[in-house]
């Protein structure tokens, strides 16, 4: 069975979002959305790395909870980008699905 590497998956997701944001047409509308999208999406991996180095179970659960919240926020910003720059709707949907999966994964981890 293949080992599931969530650190690598969240890092790759952040990189995909950064590359995606480079494709977005910059405007007064998209600029703040891009900023928020990059912040929330890259925060998922950063908080997961912090969770893995947590000093206590409570700290671990707190960081995992933040991962889930950031994934959900990322889903929101991807939806806004799709509206603001419709040429990217397909790419946005694929990234939204990954953010949704990450949200479900972190929710399951938090319930354990």
N, C-alpha and C. Protein backbone atom coordinates (compact mmCIF):
# COMPACT_ATOMS: atom_id res chain seq x y z
N UNK A 1 0.83 -1.18 0.00
CA UNK A 1 0.00 0.00 0.00
C UNK A 1 0.88 1.25 0.00
N UNK A 2 0.53 2.23 -0.83
CA UNK A 2 1.31 3.45 -0.95
C UNK A 2 1.08 4.36 0.26
N UNK A 3 2.18 4.89 0.80
CA UNK A 3 2.09 5.78 1.95
C UNK A 3 1.48 7.11 1.51
N UNK A 4 0.55 7.60 2.29
CA UNK A 4 -0.12 8.85 2.02
C UNK A 4 0.65 9.98 2.68
N UNK A 5 1.22 10.89 1.91
CA UNK A 5 2.05 11.96 2.43
C UNK A 5 1.28 13.28 2.37
N UNK A 6 0.62 13.62 3.46
CA UNK A 6 -0.21 14.82 3.50
C UNK A 6 0.64 16.10 3.49
N UNK A 7 1.84 16.03 4.04
CA UNK A 7 2.73 17.20 3.98
C UNK A 7 3.04 17.54 2.52
N UNK A 8 3.37 16.53 1.74
CA UNK A 8 3.68 16.75 0.33
C UNK A 8 2.43 17.19 -0.44
N UNK A 9 1.31 16.58 -0.15
CA UNK A 9 0.07 16.93 -0.85
C UNK A 9 -0.32 18.39 -0.59
N UNK A 10 -0.22 18.84 0.66
CA UNK A 10 -0.58 20.22 0.96
C UNK A 10 0.42 21.21 0.36
N UNK A 11 1.70 20.83 0.32
CA UNK A 11 2.71 21.69 -0.30
C UNK A 11 2.45 21.81 -1.80
N UNK A 12 2.18 20.69 -2.45
CA UNK A 12 1.89 20.72 -3.89
C UNK A 12 0.64 21.54 -4.18
N UNK A 13 -0.35 21.44 -3.30
CA UNK A 13 -1.57 22.23 -3.48
C UNK A 13 -1.25 23.73 -3.43
N UNK A 14 -0.45 24.14 -2.47
CA UNK A 14 -0.05 25.54 -2.38
C UNK A 14 0.67 26.00 -3.65
N UNK A 15 1.56 25.17 -4.16
CA UNK A 15 2.29 25.50 -5.39
C UNK A 15 1.32 25.62 -6.58
N UNK A 16 0.36 24.70 -6.67
CA UNK A 16 -0.63 24.77 -7.75
C UNK A 16 -1.44 26.06 -7.68
N UNK A 17 -1.79 26.47 -6.47
CA UNK A 17 -2.54 27.72 -6.30
C UNK A 17 -1.69 28.91 -6.74
N UNK A 18 -0.43 28.94 -6.36
CA UNK A 18 0.46 30.03 -6.76
C UNK A 18 0.54 30.10 -8.28
N UNK A 19 0.72 28.96 -8.92
CA UNK A 19 0.80 28.93 -10.39
C UNK A 19 -0.53 29.36 -11.02
N UNK A 20 -1.63 28.93 -10.43
CA UNK A 20 -2.96 29.31 -10.90
C UNK A 20 -3.14 30.83 -10.81
N UNK A 21 -2.72 31.41 -9.71
CA UNK A 21 -2.89 32.85 -9.50
C UNK A 21 -2.10 33.68 -10.51
N UNK A 22 -1.02 33.12 -11.00
CA UNK A 22 -0.24 33.82 -12.03
C UNK A 22 -1.01 33.94 -13.35
N UNK A 23 -2.03 33.09 -13.53
CA UNK A 23 -2.85 33.11 -14.74
C UNK A 23 -4.03 34.09 -14.66
N UNK A 24 -4.34 34.52 -13.45
CA UNK A 24 -5.50 35.38 -13.25
C UNK A 24 -5.21 36.78 -13.79
N UNK A 25 -6.17 37.32 -14.52
CA UNK A 25 -6.07 38.69 -15.01
C UNK A 25 -6.15 39.63 -13.81
N UNK A 26 -5.14 40.47 -13.66
CA UNK A 26 -5.08 41.38 -12.53
C UNK A 26 -6.01 42.57 -12.77
N UNK A 27 -6.86 42.81 -11.78
CA UNK A 27 -7.77 43.96 -11.82
C UNK A 27 -8.01 44.42 -10.39
N UNK A 28 -8.75 45.48 -10.24
CA UNK A 28 -9.08 45.98 -8.91
C UNK A 28 -9.90 44.94 -8.13
N UNK A 29 -10.61 44.09 -8.85
CA UNK A 29 -11.42 43.04 -8.21
C UNK A 29 -10.58 41.82 -7.86
N UNK A 30 -9.76 41.38 -8.80
CA UNK A 30 -9.04 40.12 -8.59
C UNK A 30 -7.83 40.24 -7.67
N UNK A 31 -7.22 41.40 -7.61
CA UNK A 31 -5.99 41.54 -6.81
C UNK A 31 -6.20 41.16 -5.34
N UNK A 32 -7.22 41.69 -4.64
CA UNK A 32 -7.39 41.27 -3.24
C UNK A 32 -7.82 39.81 -3.09
N UNK A 33 -8.54 39.29 -4.08
CA UNK A 33 -8.96 37.89 -4.02
C UNK A 33 -7.74 36.98 -4.16
N UNK A 34 -6.86 37.33 -5.07
CA UNK A 34 -5.62 36.56 -5.26
C UNK A 34 -4.83 36.52 -3.96
N UNK A 35 -4.69 37.68 -3.33
CA UNK A 35 -3.95 37.77 -2.07
C UNK A 35 -4.55 36.83 -1.02
N UNK A 36 -5.85 36.88 -0.86
CA UNK A 36 -6.53 36.03 0.12
C UNK A 36 -6.39 34.55 -0.23
N UNK A 37 -6.52 34.24 -1.52
CA UNK A 37 -6.42 32.85 -1.98
C UNK A 37 -5.04 32.27 -1.69
N UNK A 38 -4.02 33.03 -1.99
CA UNK A 38 -2.65 32.55 -1.74
C UNK A 38 -2.42 32.38 -0.23
N UNK A 39 -2.90 33.32 0.56
CA UNK A 39 -2.70 33.25 2.01
C UNK A 39 -3.40 32.02 2.60
N UNK A 40 -4.65 31.80 2.23
CA UNK A 40 -5.39 30.67 2.82
C UNK A 40 -4.87 29.33 2.33
N UNK A 41 -4.57 29.23 1.05
CA UNK A 41 -4.16 27.93 0.49
C UNK A 41 -2.78 27.50 0.97
N UNK A 42 -1.85 28.43 1.07
CA UNK A 42 -0.51 28.06 1.53
C UNK A 42 -0.48 27.86 3.04
N UNK A 43 -1.44 28.44 3.74
CA UNK A 43 -1.55 28.26 5.18
C UNK A 43 -1.92 26.82 5.55
N UNK A 44 -2.60 26.14 4.66
CA UNK A 44 -3.00 24.75 4.94
C UNK A 44 -1.77 23.90 5.24
N UNK A 45 -0.81 23.93 4.34
CA UNK A 45 0.41 23.14 4.51
C UNK A 45 1.25 23.60 5.68
N UNK A 46 1.34 24.92 5.87
CA UNK A 46 2.13 25.45 6.98
C UNK A 46 1.55 25.00 8.32
N UNK A 47 0.24 25.05 8.44
CA UNK A 47 -0.39 24.63 9.69
C UNK A 47 -0.32 23.13 9.89
N UNK A 48 -0.35 22.37 8.79
CA UNK A 48 -0.20 20.92 8.92
C UNK A 48 1.21 20.58 9.42
N UNK A 49 2.21 21.28 8.91
CA UNK A 49 3.58 21.05 9.38
C UNK A 49 3.69 21.41 10.87
N UNK A 50 3.04 22.49 11.27
CA UNK A 50 3.04 22.86 12.69
C UNK A 50 2.34 21.80 13.53
N UNK A 51 1.24 21.26 13.00
CA UNK A 51 0.51 20.21 13.73
C UNK A 51 1.40 19.00 13.97
N UNK A 52 2.18 18.64 12.96
CA UNK A 52 3.07 17.49 13.11
C UNK A 52 4.16 17.72 14.14
N UNK A 53 4.45 18.97 14.43
CA UNK A 53 5.45 19.28 15.45
C UNK A 53 4.84 19.73 16.77
N UNK A 54 3.55 19.50 16.91
CA UNK A 54 2.83 19.97 18.10
C UNK A 54 3.37 19.33 19.36
N UNK A 55 3.32 20.09 20.45
CA UNK A 55 3.80 19.62 21.75
C UNK A 55 2.76 18.84 22.52
N UNK A 56 1.50 18.98 22.12
CA UNK A 56 0.44 18.29 22.85
C UNK A 56 -0.68 17.89 21.89
N UNK A 57 -1.53 17.02 22.37
CA UNK A 57 -2.68 16.58 21.58
C UNK A 57 -3.62 17.76 21.31
N UNK A 58 -3.78 18.61 22.32
CA UNK A 58 -4.64 19.79 22.18
C UNK A 58 -4.10 20.73 21.10
N UNK A 59 -2.79 20.96 21.11
CA UNK A 59 -2.15 21.81 20.10
C UNK A 59 -2.31 21.19 18.71
N UNK A 60 -2.12 19.88 18.61
CA UNK A 60 -2.28 19.17 17.34
C UNK A 60 -3.70 19.38 16.79
N UNK A 61 -4.70 19.15 17.63
CA UNK A 61 -6.09 19.30 17.20
C UNK A 61 -6.39 20.74 16.78
N UNK A 62 -5.82 21.68 17.48
CA UNK A 62 -6.03 23.09 17.15
C UNK A 62 -5.48 23.41 15.76
N UNK A 63 -4.27 22.95 15.48
CA UNK A 63 -3.65 23.20 14.17
C UNK A 63 -4.40 22.48 13.05
N UNK A 64 -4.86 21.27 13.30
CA UNK A 64 -5.63 20.52 12.30
C UNK A 64 -6.94 21.25 12.02
N UNK A 65 -7.54 21.80 13.05
CA UNK A 65 -8.77 22.57 12.90
C UNK A 65 -8.53 23.80 12.01
N UNK A 66 -7.38 24.43 12.20
CA UNK A 66 -7.03 25.58 11.36
C UNK A 66 -6.84 25.13 9.92
N UNK A 67 -6.23 23.98 9.71
CA UNK A 67 -6.05 23.44 8.35
C UNK A 67 -7.40 23.31 7.65
N UNK A 68 -8.37 22.75 8.38
CA UNK A 68 -9.70 22.58 7.80
C UNK A 68 -10.32 23.93 7.47
N UNK A 69 -10.23 24.88 8.38
CA UNK A 69 -10.80 26.22 8.15
C UNK A 69 -10.15 26.90 6.95
N UNK A 70 -8.84 26.77 6.83
CA UNK A 70 -8.13 27.39 5.70
C UNK A 70 -8.52 26.73 4.38
N UNK A 71 -8.72 25.42 4.40
CA UNK A 71 -9.17 24.72 3.18
C UNK A 71 -10.56 25.21 2.76
N UNK A 72 -11.45 25.39 3.74
CA UNK A 72 -12.80 25.88 3.45
C UNK A 72 -12.74 27.32 2.92
N UNK A 73 -11.87 28.14 3.51
CA UNK A 73 -11.71 29.51 3.03
C UNK A 73 -11.17 29.52 1.60
N UNK A 74 -10.24 28.63 1.32
CA UNK A 74 -9.69 28.52 -0.02
C UNK A 74 -10.78 28.19 -1.03
N UNK A 75 -11.69 27.32 -0.65
CA UNK A 75 -12.82 26.98 -1.53
C UNK A 75 -13.62 28.24 -1.86
N UNK A 76 -13.83 29.08 -0.87
CA UNK A 76 -14.58 30.32 -1.09
C UNK A 76 -13.86 31.22 -2.10
N UNK A 77 -12.57 31.43 -1.88
CA UNK A 77 -11.83 32.33 -2.76
C UNK A 77 -11.73 31.78 -4.18
N UNK A 78 -11.64 30.47 -4.32
CA UNK A 78 -11.63 29.88 -5.67
C UNK A 78 -12.95 30.15 -6.38
N UNK A 79 -14.03 30.08 -5.64
CA UNK A 79 -15.34 30.39 -6.22
C UNK A 79 -15.40 31.86 -6.67
N UNK A 80 -14.82 32.74 -5.88
CA UNK A 80 -14.81 34.17 -6.24
C UNK A 80 -13.95 34.43 -7.47
N UNK A 81 -12.81 33.77 -7.56
CA UNK A 81 -11.95 33.92 -8.74
C UNK A 81 -12.66 33.44 -9.99
N UNK A 82 -13.36 32.32 -9.88
CA UNK A 82 -14.09 31.78 -11.04
C UNK A 82 -15.12 32.80 -11.54
N UNK A 83 -15.72 33.52 -10.63
CA UNK A 83 -16.68 34.56 -11.01
C UNK A 83 -15.99 35.78 -11.59
N UNK A 84 -14.88 36.17 -10.99
CA UNK A 84 -14.18 37.38 -11.42
C UNK A 84 -13.41 37.19 -12.74
N UNK A 85 -12.95 35.97 -13.00
CA UNK A 85 -12.17 35.68 -14.21
C UNK A 85 -12.66 34.37 -14.82
N UNK A 86 -13.81 34.41 -15.52
CA UNK A 86 -14.47 33.18 -15.99
C UNK A 86 -13.63 32.28 -16.90
N UNK A 87 -12.58 32.81 -17.51
CA UNK A 87 -11.75 31.96 -18.37
C UNK A 87 -11.03 30.87 -17.57
N UNK A 88 -10.97 31.04 -16.26
CA UNK A 88 -10.27 30.09 -15.39
C UNK A 88 -11.21 29.18 -14.62
N UNK A 89 -12.46 29.11 -15.04
CA UNK A 89 -13.46 28.35 -14.28
C UNK A 89 -13.10 26.86 -14.16
N UNK A 90 -12.59 26.26 -15.22
CA UNK A 90 -12.26 24.82 -15.16
C UNK A 90 -11.11 24.55 -14.20
N UNK A 91 -10.05 25.37 -14.29
CA UNK A 91 -8.92 25.20 -13.37
C UNK A 91 -9.37 25.45 -11.93
N UNK A 92 -10.21 26.46 -11.77
CA UNK A 92 -10.72 26.78 -10.44
C UNK A 92 -11.51 25.62 -9.84
N UNK A 93 -12.32 24.98 -10.65
CA UNK A 93 -13.11 23.83 -10.18
C UNK A 93 -12.23 22.68 -9.73
N UNK A 94 -11.17 22.40 -10.47
CA UNK A 94 -10.25 21.31 -10.09
C UNK A 94 -9.57 21.62 -8.76
N UNK A 95 -9.13 22.84 -8.60
CA UNK A 95 -8.50 23.23 -7.34
C UNK A 95 -9.51 23.24 -6.21
N UNK A 96 -10.74 23.65 -6.50
CA UNK A 96 -11.81 23.64 -5.48
C UNK A 96 -12.03 22.22 -4.98
N UNK A 97 -12.03 21.25 -5.90
CA UNK A 97 -12.23 19.85 -5.50
C UNK A 97 -11.11 19.38 -4.57
N UNK A 98 -9.88 19.77 -4.87
CA UNK A 98 -8.76 19.38 -4.01
C UNK A 98 -8.89 20.05 -2.64
N UNK A 99 -9.26 21.31 -2.61
CA UNK A 99 -9.46 22.00 -1.33
C UNK A 99 -10.57 21.33 -0.53
N UNK A 100 -11.61 20.90 -1.22
CA UNK A 100 -12.72 20.21 -0.55
C UNK A 100 -12.25 18.88 0.04
N UNK A 101 -11.48 18.13 -0.74
CA UNK A 101 -10.94 16.86 -0.23
C UNK A 101 -10.05 17.09 0.99
N UNK A 102 -9.21 18.11 0.93
CA UNK A 102 -8.36 18.41 2.08
C UNK A 102 -9.20 18.77 3.30
N UNK A 103 -10.25 19.52 3.08
CA UNK A 103 -11.16 19.88 4.18
C UNK A 103 -11.75 18.63 4.82
N UNK A 104 -12.17 17.69 4.00
CA UNK A 104 -12.74 16.44 4.52
C UNK A 104 -11.69 15.62 5.27
N UNK A 105 -10.48 15.59 4.74
CA UNK A 105 -9.39 14.84 5.39
C UNK A 105 -9.10 15.43 6.76
N UNK A 106 -8.98 16.75 6.83
CA UNK A 106 -8.65 17.37 8.12
C UNK A 106 -9.82 17.26 9.10
N UNK A 107 -11.02 17.26 8.59
CA UNK A 107 -12.17 17.03 9.45
C UNK A 107 -12.14 15.64 10.05
N UNK A 108 -11.78 14.65 9.24
CA UNK A 108 -11.69 13.26 9.72
C UNK A 108 -10.56 13.11 10.73
N UNK A 109 -9.43 13.73 10.48
CA UNK A 109 -8.30 13.67 11.42
C UNK A 109 -8.72 14.28 12.75
N UNK A 110 -9.42 15.39 12.69
CA UNK A 110 -9.82 16.09 13.92
C UNK A 110 -10.83 15.28 14.74
N UNK A 111 -11.62 14.46 14.08
CA UNK A 111 -12.62 13.64 14.80
C UNK A 111 -11.99 12.43 15.48
N UNK A 112 -10.79 12.03 15.06
CA UNK A 112 -10.14 10.84 15.65
C UNK A 112 -9.72 11.09 17.07
